[in-house]
Amino acid sequence: MYEKEFREFLRRGGRSQSAIKRCISYVKEFERYLRECQGGKGLEDAILGDLADFAEWIEKKPKTSAKTHLWALRYYYEYASNEVLRNVASELRQRRIRRVPFALRGFRGIDPEYLEKLAIVGIRNVEQMLDAGRTRNGRQRLSTKTSIPIDAILELVKLSDLARIPGVKGIRARLYYDAGVDSIEKMAEWDPKALRAMLIEFVKRTGFDGIAPLPKETKFSVEKAKKLPKTVEY
């Protein structure tokens, strides 16, 4: 490993000195594993299976996760311009991260009474909301069962659908929804720059209690929306 160059790469990426130290330590551990357990390989000789085998080797120790090691290897292979191994490290890490579904109460502007009625039938988070209300028939059944207006059910489904985009949760989902970008499909149709300009104007015009997303955030949201599968039936 060209440690000096890798260290500089991490520094330029905004990593703290402590993060850089940990990252290099984990990469060196993988380097030792390749040398001692995979027939003397080097970092540039690693193949897809080596990353998975290394993660399993780390996790043989009780209550140990390889996600921090995979975090470091993701950065290393990004530095090494090896997109394949970078993506593999990232995917293996994501599998080890337990995400708690976003709670419906986190959305701005939802009637608390509706949240209570949904909680009674076991719907408290976005995953449960999408599961129950992704189809027209499902939304109608839920409306009948809870006495919540069908329009309010659809609103919660749309907000939950937008929340599939990382970073789009309470306030941000409400901003997109209120501005008319109320589905993944609509989000995917926007040019990021035009979307941000529209949101800036919307906030100024309506006095929305929040700010428009930054350029990088808008670009990420649009790109992610284009990749997400359609799950809601309208």
Protein backbone atom coordinates (compact mmCIF):
# COMPACT_ATOMS: atom_id res chain seq x y z
CA MET A 1 0.00 0.00 0.00
CA TYR A 2 1.22 3.46 -0.89
CA GLU A 3 0.38 4.78 2.54
CA LYS A 4 1.49 8.37 2.02
CA GLU A 5 -0.61 8.80 -1.12
CA PHE A 6 -3.61 7.02 0.42
CA ARG A 7 -3.36 9.20 3.51
CA GLU A 8 -3.36 12.32 1.31
CA PHE A 9 -6.37 10.99 -0.62
CA LEU A 10 -8.30 10.60 2.63
CA ARG A 11 -7.24 14.03 3.84
CA ARG A 12 -8.46 15.67 0.62
CA GLY A 13 -11.74 13.84 1.09
CA GLY A 14 -12.28 15.60 4.40
CA ARG A 15 -11.51 12.67 6.70
CA SER A 16 -10.29 13.58 10.19
CA GLN A 17 -6.85 12.50 11.42
CA SER A 18 -8.42 9.89 13.70
CA ALA A 19 -10.53 8.53 10.83
CA ILE A 20 -7.48 8.38 8.57
CA LYS A 21 -5.53 6.48 11.22
CA ARG A 22 -8.34 3.94 11.67
CA CYS A 23 -8.85 3.56 7.94
CA ILE A 24 -5.19 2.80 7.27
CA SER A 25 -5.10 0.37 10.20
CA TYR A 26 -8.04 -1.62 8.81
CA VAL A 27 -6.58 -1.71 5.30
CA LYS A 28 -3.29 -2.99 6.72
CA GLU A 29 -5.21 -5.72 8.53
CA PHE A 30 -6.73 -6.81 5.22
CA GLU A 31 -3.28 -6.67 3.65
CA ARG A 32 -1.95 -9.01 6.35
CA TYR A 33 -4.92 -11.33 5.86
CA LEU A 34 -4.23 -11.58 2.13
CA ARG A 35 -0.58 -12.27 2.72
CA GLU A 36 -1.05 -14.86 5.48
CA CYS A 37 -4.34 -16.52 4.56
CA GLN A 38 -4.65 -16.09 0.81
CA GLY A 39 -1.29 -17.32 -0.45
CA GLY A 40 0.74 -14.15 -0.20
CA LYS A 41 -1.56 -11.90 -2.21
CA GLY A 42 -1.26 -8.12 -2.17
CA LEU A 43 -4.03 -5.56 -2.09
CA GLU A 44 -4.02 -5.22 -5.86
CA ASP A 45 -4.32 -9.00 -6.27
CA ALA A 46 -7.54 -9.29 -4.26
CA ILE A 47 -10.64 -10.65 -5.97
CA LEU A 48 -14.33 -10.38 -5.08
CA GLY A 49 -14.36 -13.46 -2.87
CA ASP A 50 -11.43 -12.22 -0.82
CA LEU A 51 -13.50 -9.36 0.57
CA ALA A 52 -16.35 -11.63 1.61
CA ASP A 53 -13.95 -14.19 3.08
CA PHE A 54 -12.14 -11.46 5.00
CA ALA A 55 -15.42 -10.18 6.45
CA GLU A 56 -16.34 -13.69 7.58
CA TRP A 57 -12.86 -14.15 9.07
CA ILE A 58 -13.23 -10.92 11.08
CA GLU A 59 -16.68 -11.94 12.30
CA LYS A 60 -15.53 -15.28 13.66
CA LYS A 61 -14.76 -13.35 16.83
CA PRO A 62 -17.86 -13.11 19.07
CA LYS A 63 -19.90 -9.90 18.75
CA THR A 64 -17.62 -8.53 16.02
CA SER A 65 -18.76 -6.86 12.81
CA ALA A 66 -16.65 -6.25 9.73
CA LYS A 67 -18.53 -3.10 8.70
CA THR A 68 -15.76 -0.72 9.79
CA HIS A 69 -13.15 -2.78 7.94
CA LEU A 70 -15.35 -2.72 4.84
CA TRP A 71 -15.78 1.04 5.28
CA ALA A 72 -12.00 1.41 5.09
CA LEU A 73 -11.66 -0.93 2.12
CA ARG A 74 -14.33 1.00 0.25
CA TYR A 75 -12.15 4.11 0.51
CA TYR A 76 -9.00 2.22 -0.36
CA TYR A 77 -10.40 0.77 -3.57
CA GLU A 78 -11.88 4.14 -4.47
CA TYR A 79 -8.35 5.54 -4.10
CA ALA A 80 -7.01 2.65 -6.20
CA SER A 81 -9.64 3.32 -8.92
CA ASN A 82 -10.95 -0.25 -8.60
CA GLU A 83 -14.67 0.39 -8.97
CA VAL A 84 -15.61 -3.29 -8.78
CA LEU A 85 -14.00 -3.94 -5.39
CA ARG A 86 -15.12 -0.53 -4.14
CA ASN A 87 -18.74 -1.45 -4.90
CA VAL A 88 -18.36 -4.91 -3.37
CA ALA A 89 -16.95 -3.46 -0.13
CA SER A 90 -19.78 -0.94 -0.02
CA GLU A 91 -22.45 -3.59 -0.62
CA LEU A 92 -21.03 -5.96 2.00
CA ARG A 93 -20.98 -3.10 4.49
CA GLN A 94 -24.56 -2.09 3.74
CA ARG A 95 -25.71 -5.63 4.50
CA ARG A 96 -24.27 -5.26 7.99
CA ILE A 97 -25.93 -1.96 8.79
CA ARG A 98 -29.27 -2.38 10.52
CA ARG A 99 -31.50 0.53 9.58
CA VAL A 100 -34.54 1.36 11.68
CA PRO A 101 -37.47 2.32 9.41
CA PHE A 102 -38.42 6.00 9.63
CA ALA A 103 -41.39 6.60 11.95
CA LEU A 104 -44.50 8.20 10.46
CA ARG A 105 -44.59 10.65 13.36
CA GLY A 106 -41.40 12.16 11.96
CA PHE A 107 -43.25 13.64 8.99
CA ARG A 108 -44.28 17.24 9.39
CA GLY A 109 -47.93 18.19 9.12
CA ILE A 110 -49.60 14.84 9.88
CA ASP A 111 -52.71 14.82 12.09
CA PRO A 112 -51.74 13.09 15.39
CA GLU A 113 -55.16 11.43 15.44
CA TYR A 114 -54.38 9.68 12.17
CA LEU A 115 -51.08 8.43 13.58
CA GLU A 116 -52.87 7.00 16.61
CA LYS A 117 -55.42 5.20 14.44
CA LEU A 118 -52.69 3.74 12.25
CA ALA A 119 -50.70 2.63 15.29
CA ILE A 120 -53.74 0.70 16.54
CA VAL A 121 -53.66 -1.43 13.37
CA GLY A 122 -49.87 -1.87 13.61
CA ILE A 123 -48.68 0.80 11.19
CA ARG A 124 -46.03 3.05 12.70
CA ASN A 125 -43.27 3.42 10.12
CA VAL A 126 -42.76 4.01 6.40
CA GLU A 127 -42.16 0.36 5.54
CA GLN A 128 -45.44 -0.68 7.16
CA MET A 129 -47.24 2.22 5.47
CA LEU A 130 -45.98 1.25 2.02
CA ASP A 131 -46.77 -2.39 2.60
CA ALA A 132 -50.36 -1.61 3.54
CA GLY A 133 -51.04 1.24 1.12
CA ARG A 134 -49.02 0.73 -2.03
CA THR A 135 -52.09 -0.33 -4.05
CA ARG A 136 -55.44 1.44 -4.56
CA ASN A 137 -57.30 -1.44 -2.96
CA GLY A 138 -54.91 -1.50 -0.04
CA ARG A 139 -55.41 2.21 0.61
CA GLN A 140 -59.17 1.84 0.43
CA ARG A 141 -59.15 -1.05 2.88
CA LEU A 142 -56.92 0.92 5.25
CA SER A 143 -59.15 3.97 5.02
CA THR A 144 -62.23 1.88 5.80
CA LYS A 145 -60.51 0.08 8.64
CA THR A 146 -59.16 3.22 10.33
CA SER A 147 -61.76 5.84 9.32
CA ILE A 148 -58.92 7.97 7.98
CA PRO A 149 -59.82 9.85 4.76
CA ILE A 150 -58.43 8.19 1.65
CA ASP A 151 -56.61 11.42 0.68
CA ALA A 152 -54.76 11.41 4.01
CA ILE A 153 -53.81 7.77 3.51
CA LEU A 154 -52.46 8.56 0.04
CA GLU A 155 -50.49 11.51 1.41
CA LEU A 156 -48.78 9.27 3.96
CA VAL A 157 -48.04 6.68 1.28
CA LYS A 158 -46.46 9.32 -0.95
CA LEU A 159 -44.37 10.72 1.88
CA SER A 160 -43.27 7.19 2.76
CA ASP A 161 -42.35 6.55 -0.87
CA LEU A 162 -40.21 9.71 -1.00
CA ALA A 163 -38.52 8.59 2.23
CA ARG A 164 -37.00 5.64 0.35
CA ILE A 165 -34.45 8.19 -0.88
CA PRO A 166 -31.65 8.41 1.71
CA GLY A 167 -31.74 11.79 3.45
CA VAL A 168 -35.33 12.54 2.45
CA LYS A 169 -37.24 12.21 5.68
CA GLY A 170 -39.36 14.55 7.84
CA ILE A 171 -38.93 18.14 6.68
CA ARG A 172 -37.34 17.34 3.32
CA ALA A 173 -40.11 14.91 2.31
CA ARG A 174 -42.71 17.53 3.26
CA LEU A 175 -40.96 20.16 1.15
CA TYR A 176 -40.89 17.94 -1.93
CA TYR A 177 -44.50 16.86 -1.39
CA ASP A 178 -45.84 20.37 -0.88
CA ALA A 179 -43.90 21.62 -3.91
CA GLY A 180 -45.60 19.01 -6.09
CA VAL A 181 -42.72 16.53 -6.33
CA ASP A 182 -44.83 13.96 -4.51
CA SER A 183 -43.56 10.69 -5.95
CA ILE A 184 -40.35 8.91 -6.87
CA GLU A 185 -41.42 9.01 -10.52
CA LYS A 186 -41.85 12.79 -10.52
CA MET A 187 -38.54 13.26 -8.75
CA ALA A 188 -36.77 11.18 -11.41
CA GLU A 189 -38.08 13.45 -14.20
CA TRP A 190 -36.44 16.61 -12.85
CA ASP A 191 -33.12 18.14 -13.79
CA PRO A 192 -31.31 18.64 -10.44
CA LYS A 193 -30.50 22.31 -11.05
CA ALA A 194 -34.03 23.10 -12.18
CA LEU A 195 -35.45 21.24 -9.20
CA ARG A 196 -33.36 23.19 -6.72
CA ALA A 197 -34.26 26.49 -8.38
CA MET A 198 -37.94 25.59 -8.17
CA LEU A 199 -37.63 24.66 -4.49
CA ILE A 200 -35.79 27.89 -3.64
CA GLU A 201 -38.58 29.86 -5.29
CA PHE A 202 -41.24 27.73 -3.55
CA VAL A 203 -39.73 28.37 -0.11
CA LYS A 204 -39.58 32.13 -0.76
CA ARG A 205 -43.10 32.28 -2.18
CA THR A 206 -44.84 30.18 0.46
CA GLY A 207 -42.76 30.91 3.54
CA PHE A 208 -42.13 27.19 4.00
CA ASP A 209 -40.41 26.63 7.34
CA GLY A 210 -37.22 25.09 5.98
CA ILE A 211 -34.55 25.58 3.34
CA ALA A 212 -34.07 24.17 -0.14
CA PRO A 213 -31.57 21.30 -0.46
CA LEU A 214 -27.98 21.99 -1.44
CA PRO A 215 -26.90 21.24 -5.05
CA LYS A 216 -25.20 17.96 -4.14
CA GLU A 217 -28.25 16.81 -2.19
CA THR A 218 -30.63 17.61 -5.05
CA LYS A 219 -28.42 15.82 -7.56
CA PHE A 220 -28.15 12.76 -5.30
CA SER A 221 -31.92 12.63 -4.73
CA VAL A 222 -32.73 12.78 -8.45
CA GLU A 223 -30.11 10.18 -9.35
CA LYS A 224 -31.34 7.86 -6.60
CA ALA A 225 -34.97 8.30 -7.67
CA LYS A 226 -34.07 7.19 -11.19
CA LYS A 227 -32.66 3.94 -9.82
CA LEU A 228 -35.39 3.05 -7.34
CA PRO A 229 -38.04 0.58 -8.51
CA LYS A 230 -41.64 1.74 -8.66
CA THR A 231 -43.57 0.36 -5.69
CA VAL A 232 -46.71 2.50 -5.42
CA GLU A 233 -49.76 2.06 -7.64
CA TYR A 234 -51.64 5.28 -8.44
